[in-house]
Amino acid sequence: MVEKIKSNLLAGIATIVPLALTVYVIQVTLEITIWLGGTVAEPLERFVNVTFPGFGIISSIVGLLIVLLALIIFGALARNVLEKGLLTGLKEFLKNSFN
């Protein structure tokens, strides 16, 4: 009975922690995107030197492109670096914890 509770507790933690971390990373990424999009778009606005409707959309698109590029880079790093070391170690740890 105690082992089943312990196993369920570890499974719950192993499920909630990655979800919470994902939500936090998405929130931080969106905040950085909004900031970067405005920062990158301001010089463009001065260069164009014309205020036209829809410039906020351009700022949003620039921010979205930055996020997509960052996700591609982080994905490549995760596949190459983390998969070999950390994920293998985590799999072994979880395998040993549940047995």
N, C-alpha and C. Protein backbone atom coordinates (compact mmCIF):
# COMPACT_ATOMS: atom_id res chain seq x y z
N MET A 1 0.82 -1.19 0.00
CA MET A 1 0.00 0.00 0.00
C MET A 1 0.87 1.26 0.00
N VAL A 2 1.88 1.29 0.85
CA VAL A 2 2.77 2.44 0.93
C VAL A 2 3.57 2.59 -0.37
N GLU A 3 3.98 1.46 -0.93
CA GLU A 3 4.73 1.51 -2.18
C GLU A 3 3.88 2.06 -3.31
N LYS A 4 2.59 1.70 -3.34
CA LYS A 4 1.69 2.19 -4.38
C LYS A 4 1.49 3.70 -4.23
N ILE A 5 1.35 4.18 -3.00
CA ILE A 5 1.21 5.63 -2.75
C ILE A 5 2.48 6.34 -3.18
N LYS A 6 3.63 5.77 -2.82
CA LYS A 6 4.91 6.36 -3.20
C LYS A 6 5.06 6.40 -4.72
N SER A 7 4.69 5.33 -5.37
CA SER A 7 4.77 5.27 -6.83
C SER A 7 3.85 6.29 -7.48
N ASN A 8 2.62 6.41 -6.96
CA ASN A 8 1.67 7.39 -7.49
C ASN A 8 2.13 8.82 -7.25
N LEU A 9 2.74 9.06 -6.10
CA LEU A 9 3.25 10.39 -5.79
C LEU A 9 4.37 10.76 -6.76
N LEU A 10 5.30 9.85 -6.98
CA LEU A 10 6.40 10.12 -7.92
C LEU A 10 5.88 10.31 -9.35
N ALA A 11 4.87 9.53 -9.74
CA ALA A 11 4.30 9.67 -11.07
C ALA A 11 3.61 11.03 -11.20
N GLY A 12 2.93 11.45 -10.16
CA GLY A 12 2.27 12.77 -10.18
C GLY A 12 3.28 13.89 -10.28
N ILE A 13 4.36 13.80 -9.53
CA ILE A 13 5.42 14.81 -9.59
C ILE A 13 6.07 14.81 -10.96
N ALA A 14 6.33 13.61 -11.49
CA ALA A 14 6.96 13.51 -12.81
C ALA A 14 6.06 14.06 -13.91
N THR A 15 4.75 14.12 -13.66
CA THR A 15 3.82 14.67 -14.64
C THR A 15 3.65 16.17 -14.48
N ILE A 16 3.50 16.64 -13.25
CA ILE A 16 3.20 18.05 -12.99
C ILE A 16 4.40 18.95 -13.23
N VAL A 17 5.58 18.53 -12.83
CA VAL A 17 6.77 19.39 -12.95
C VAL A 17 7.04 19.78 -14.41
N PRO A 18 7.06 18.84 -15.35
CA PRO A 18 7.28 19.27 -16.75
C PRO A 18 6.16 20.17 -17.28
N LEU A 19 4.92 19.91 -16.87
CA LEU A 19 3.81 20.77 -17.31
C LEU A 19 3.97 22.18 -16.77
N ALA A 20 4.27 22.30 -15.49
CA ALA A 20 4.45 23.63 -14.89
C ALA A 20 5.64 24.35 -15.52
N LEU A 21 6.70 23.63 -15.75
CA LEU A 21 7.88 24.21 -16.38
C LEU A 21 7.56 24.68 -17.80
N THR A 22 6.77 23.90 -18.53
CA THR A 22 6.38 24.28 -19.88
C THR A 22 5.55 25.56 -19.88
N VAL A 23 4.59 25.66 -18.97
CA VAL A 23 3.76 26.86 -18.86
C VAL A 23 4.64 28.07 -18.54
N TYR A 24 5.57 27.91 -17.62
CA TYR A 24 6.46 29.01 -17.25
C TYR A 24 7.33 29.44 -18.43
N VAL A 25 7.90 28.48 -19.14
CA VAL A 25 8.75 28.79 -20.30
C VAL A 25 7.94 29.51 -21.38
N ILE A 26 6.72 29.07 -21.63
CA ILE A 26 5.87 29.74 -22.63
C ILE A 26 5.58 31.16 -22.20
N GLN A 27 5.27 31.38 -20.93
CA GLN A 27 4.98 32.72 -20.43
C GLN A 27 6.20 33.64 -20.59
N VAL A 28 7.37 33.17 -20.20
CA VAL A 28 8.59 33.97 -20.32
C VAL A 28 8.90 34.23 -21.79
N THR A 29 8.72 33.21 -22.64
CA THR A 29 8.98 33.37 -24.08
C THR A 29 8.07 34.42 -24.69
N LEU A 30 6.81 34.41 -24.31
CA LEU A 30 5.88 35.42 -24.83
C LEU A 30 6.25 36.82 -24.38
N GLU A 31 6.65 36.96 -23.12
CA GLU A 31 7.06 38.28 -22.63
C GLU A 31 8.30 38.77 -23.38
N ILE A 32 9.26 37.91 -23.58
CA ILE A 32 10.47 38.29 -24.32
C ILE A 32 10.13 38.61 -25.77
N THR A 33 9.21 37.84 -26.35
CA THR A 33 8.80 38.07 -27.73
C THR A 33 8.17 39.44 -27.90
N ILE A 34 7.29 39.79 -27.01
CA ILE A 34 6.64 41.10 -27.08
C ILE A 34 7.68 42.20 -26.95
N TRP A 35 8.61 42.04 -26.04
CA TRP A 35 9.65 43.05 -25.86
C TRP A 35 10.56 43.13 -27.09
N LEU A 36 11.01 41.96 -27.58
CA LEU A 36 11.90 41.95 -28.74
C LEU A 36 11.21 42.46 -29.99
N GLY A 37 9.95 42.08 -30.18
CA GLY A 37 9.21 42.54 -31.34
C GLY A 37 9.12 44.05 -31.39
N GLY A 38 8.84 44.67 -30.25
CA GLY A 38 8.79 46.13 -30.20
C GLY A 38 10.16 46.74 -30.39
N THR A 39 11.18 46.14 -29.81
CA THR A 39 12.55 46.67 -29.94
C THR A 39 13.04 46.60 -31.37
N VAL A 40 12.75 45.51 -32.06
CA VAL A 40 13.20 45.36 -33.44
C VAL A 40 12.37 46.23 -34.38
N ALA A 41 11.09 46.40 -34.07
CA ALA A 41 10.20 47.15 -34.96
C ALA A 41 10.39 48.66 -34.86
N GLU A 42 10.84 49.17 -33.72
CA GLU A 42 11.00 50.63 -33.57
C GLU A 42 11.97 51.23 -34.59
N PRO A 43 13.17 50.67 -34.79
CA PRO A 43 14.06 51.24 -35.82
C PRO A 43 13.45 51.15 -37.22
N LEU A 44 12.71 50.10 -37.47
CA LEU A 44 12.05 49.97 -38.77
C LEU A 44 11.03 51.09 -38.96
N GLU A 45 10.33 51.42 -37.91
CA GLU A 45 9.34 52.51 -37.99
C GLU A 45 10.05 53.83 -38.27
N ARG A 46 11.18 54.07 -37.63
CA ARG A 46 11.92 55.30 -37.88
C ARG A 46 12.49 55.32 -39.30
N PHE A 47 12.93 54.16 -39.79
CA PHE A 47 13.48 54.08 -41.14
C PHE A 47 12.40 54.37 -42.18
N VAL A 48 11.25 53.78 -41.99
CA VAL A 48 10.14 54.01 -42.91
C VAL A 48 9.66 55.45 -42.79
N ASN A 49 9.70 55.98 -41.57
CA ASN A 49 9.34 57.36 -41.26
C ASN A 49 7.92 57.69 -41.68
N VAL A 50 7.10 56.69 -41.74
CA VAL A 50 5.69 56.91 -42.06
C VAL A 50 4.88 56.09 -41.07
N THR A 51 3.91 56.74 -40.49
CA THR A 51 3.02 56.00 -39.61
C THR A 51 1.87 55.49 -40.46
N PHE A 52 1.72 54.19 -40.48
CA PHE A 52 0.64 53.61 -41.27
C PHE A 52 -0.12 52.59 -40.43
N PRO A 53 -1.38 52.40 -40.74
CA PRO A 53 -2.18 51.44 -39.95
C PRO A 53 -1.61 50.03 -40.09
N GLY A 54 -1.65 49.31 -39.01
CA GLY A 54 -1.19 47.93 -39.05
C GLY A 54 0.26 47.73 -38.70
N PHE A 55 0.96 48.78 -38.27
CA PHE A 55 2.37 48.59 -37.92
C PHE A 55 2.53 47.66 -36.72
N GLY A 56 1.54 47.65 -35.82
CA GLY A 56 1.56 46.74 -34.68
C GLY A 56 1.57 45.28 -35.13
N ILE A 57 0.92 45.01 -36.25
CA ILE A 57 0.91 43.66 -36.79
C ILE A 57 2.31 43.26 -37.24
N ILE A 58 3.02 44.21 -37.88
CA ILE A 58 4.40 43.92 -38.30
C ILE A 58 5.26 43.61 -37.08
N SER A 59 5.08 44.38 -36.02
CA SER A 59 5.82 44.14 -34.79
C SER A 59 5.53 42.74 -34.25
N SER A 60 4.26 42.34 -34.29
CA SER A 60 3.88 41.01 -33.81
C SER A 60 4.49 39.92 -34.68
N ILE A 61 4.51 40.13 -35.99
CA ILE A 61 5.07 39.13 -36.91
C ILE A 61 6.57 38.98 -36.67
N VAL A 62 7.26 40.10 -36.48
CA VAL A 62 8.70 40.04 -36.19
C VAL A 62 8.94 39.26 -34.90
N GLY A 63 8.15 39.53 -33.89
CA GLY A 63 8.28 38.80 -32.62
C GLY A 63 8.01 37.32 -32.79
N LEU A 64 7.00 36.98 -33.59
CA LEU A 64 6.68 35.58 -33.84
C LEU A 64 7.83 34.87 -34.57
N LEU A 65 8.42 35.54 -35.54
CA LEU A 65 9.55 34.96 -36.26
C LEU A 65 10.74 34.73 -35.33
N ILE A 66 10.96 35.65 -34.41
CA ILE A 66 12.06 35.50 -33.44
C ILE A 66 11.80 34.29 -32.55
N VAL A 67 10.55 34.12 -32.11
CA VAL A 67 10.22 32.98 -31.26
C VAL A 67 10.39 31.67 -32.02
N LEU A 68 9.93 31.63 -33.28
CA LEU A 68 10.09 30.42 -34.07
C LEU A 68 11.56 30.06 -34.26
N LEU A 69 12.37 31.05 -34.52
CA LEU A 69 13.81 30.81 -34.67
C LEU A 69 14.40 30.30 -33.36
N ALA A 70 14.02 30.91 -32.25
CA ALA A 70 14.52 30.47 -30.95
C ALA A 70 14.09 29.03 -30.65
N LEU A 71 12.84 28.69 -30.98
CA LEU A 71 12.36 27.33 -30.73
C LEU A 71 13.11 26.31 -31.58
N ILE A 72 13.41 26.68 -32.82
CA ILE A 72 14.18 25.77 -33.68
C ILE A 72 15.58 25.55 -33.10
N ILE A 73 16.22 26.63 -32.65
CA ILE A 73 17.56 26.52 -32.07
C ILE A 73 17.54 25.70 -30.79
N PHE A 74 16.58 25.99 -29.89
CA PHE A 74 16.49 25.24 -28.64
C PHE A 74 16.14 23.78 -28.90
N GLY A 75 15.31 23.52 -29.89
CA GLY A 75 14.96 22.14 -30.24
C GLY A 75 16.18 21.37 -30.72
N ALA A 76 17.00 22.02 -31.54
CA ALA A 76 18.21 21.36 -32.03
C ALA A 76 19.17 21.08 -30.88
N LEU A 77 19.31 22.04 -29.98
CA LEU A 77 20.17 21.82 -28.81
C LEU A 77 19.64 20.68 -27.94
N ALA A 78 18.34 20.66 -27.74
CA ALA A 78 17.76 19.62 -26.90
C ALA A 78 17.96 18.24 -27.51
N ARG A 79 17.77 18.14 -28.80
CA ARG A 79 17.93 16.83 -29.44
C ARG A 79 19.38 16.36 -29.40
N ASN A 80 20.32 17.25 -29.58
CA ASN A 80 21.71 16.84 -29.68
C ASN A 80 22.40 16.72 -28.33
N VAL A 81 22.15 17.64 -27.44
CA VAL A 81 22.88 17.66 -26.17
C VAL A 81 22.12 16.94 -25.07
N LEU A 82 20.91 17.37 -24.83
CA LEU A 82 20.17 16.83 -23.70
C LEU A 82 19.79 15.37 -23.89
N GLU A 83 19.45 15.00 -25.11
CA GLU A 83 19.02 13.63 -25.35
C GLU A 83 20.11 12.63 -24.98
N LYS A 84 21.33 12.99 -25.26
CA LYS A 84 22.44 12.06 -25.01
C LYS A 84 22.77 11.94 -23.53
N GLY A 85 22.70 13.04 -22.80
CA GLY A 85 23.14 13.01 -21.41
C GLY A 85 22.02 13.01 -20.39
N LEU A 86 21.33 14.12 -20.31
CA LEU A 86 20.36 14.30 -19.24
C LEU A 86 19.15 13.39 -19.37
N LEU A 87 18.61 13.26 -20.57
CA LEU A 87 17.42 12.44 -20.72
C LEU A 87 17.71 10.97 -20.46
N THR A 88 18.86 10.50 -20.86
CA THR A 88 19.24 9.12 -20.59
C THR A 88 19.36 8.90 -19.09
N GLY A 89 19.98 9.82 -18.40
CA GLY A 89 20.11 9.73 -16.95
C GLY A 89 18.77 9.80 -16.26
N LEU A 90 17.87 10.67 -16.73
CA LEU A 90 16.54 10.79 -16.15
C LEU A 90 15.74 9.52 -16.36
N LYS A 91 15.84 8.93 -17.53
CA LYS A 91 15.13 7.68 -17.80
C LYS A 91 15.61 6.58 -16.85
N GLU A 92 16.90 6.49 -16.64
CA GLU A 92 17.44 5.48 -15.73
C GLU A 92 16.99 5.74 -14.30
N PHE A 93 16.99 7.00 -13.89
CA PHE A 93 16.56 7.36 -12.54
C PHE A 93 15.10 6.97 -12.32
N LEU A 94 14.24 7.32 -13.28
CA LEU A 94 12.82 7.00 -13.15
C LEU A 94 12.59 5.48 -13.20
N LYS A 95 13.35 4.81 -14.04
CA LYS A 95 13.24 3.35 -14.14
C LYS A 95 13.59 2.70 -12.81
N ASN A 96 14.66 3.18 -12.19
CA ASN A 96 15.09 2.62 -10.89
C ASN A 96 14.14 3.03 -9.76
N SER A 97 13.53 4.20 -9.88
CA SER A 97 12.63 4.68 -8.82
C SER A 97 11.34 3.88 -8.78
N PHE A 98 10.85 3.47 -9.92
CA PHE A 98 9.56 2.77 -9.97
C PHE A 98 9.70 1.26 -9.81
N ASN A 99 10.90 0.75 -9.78
CA ASN A 99 11.09 -0.69 -9.59
C ASN A 99 11.36 -1.03 -8.16
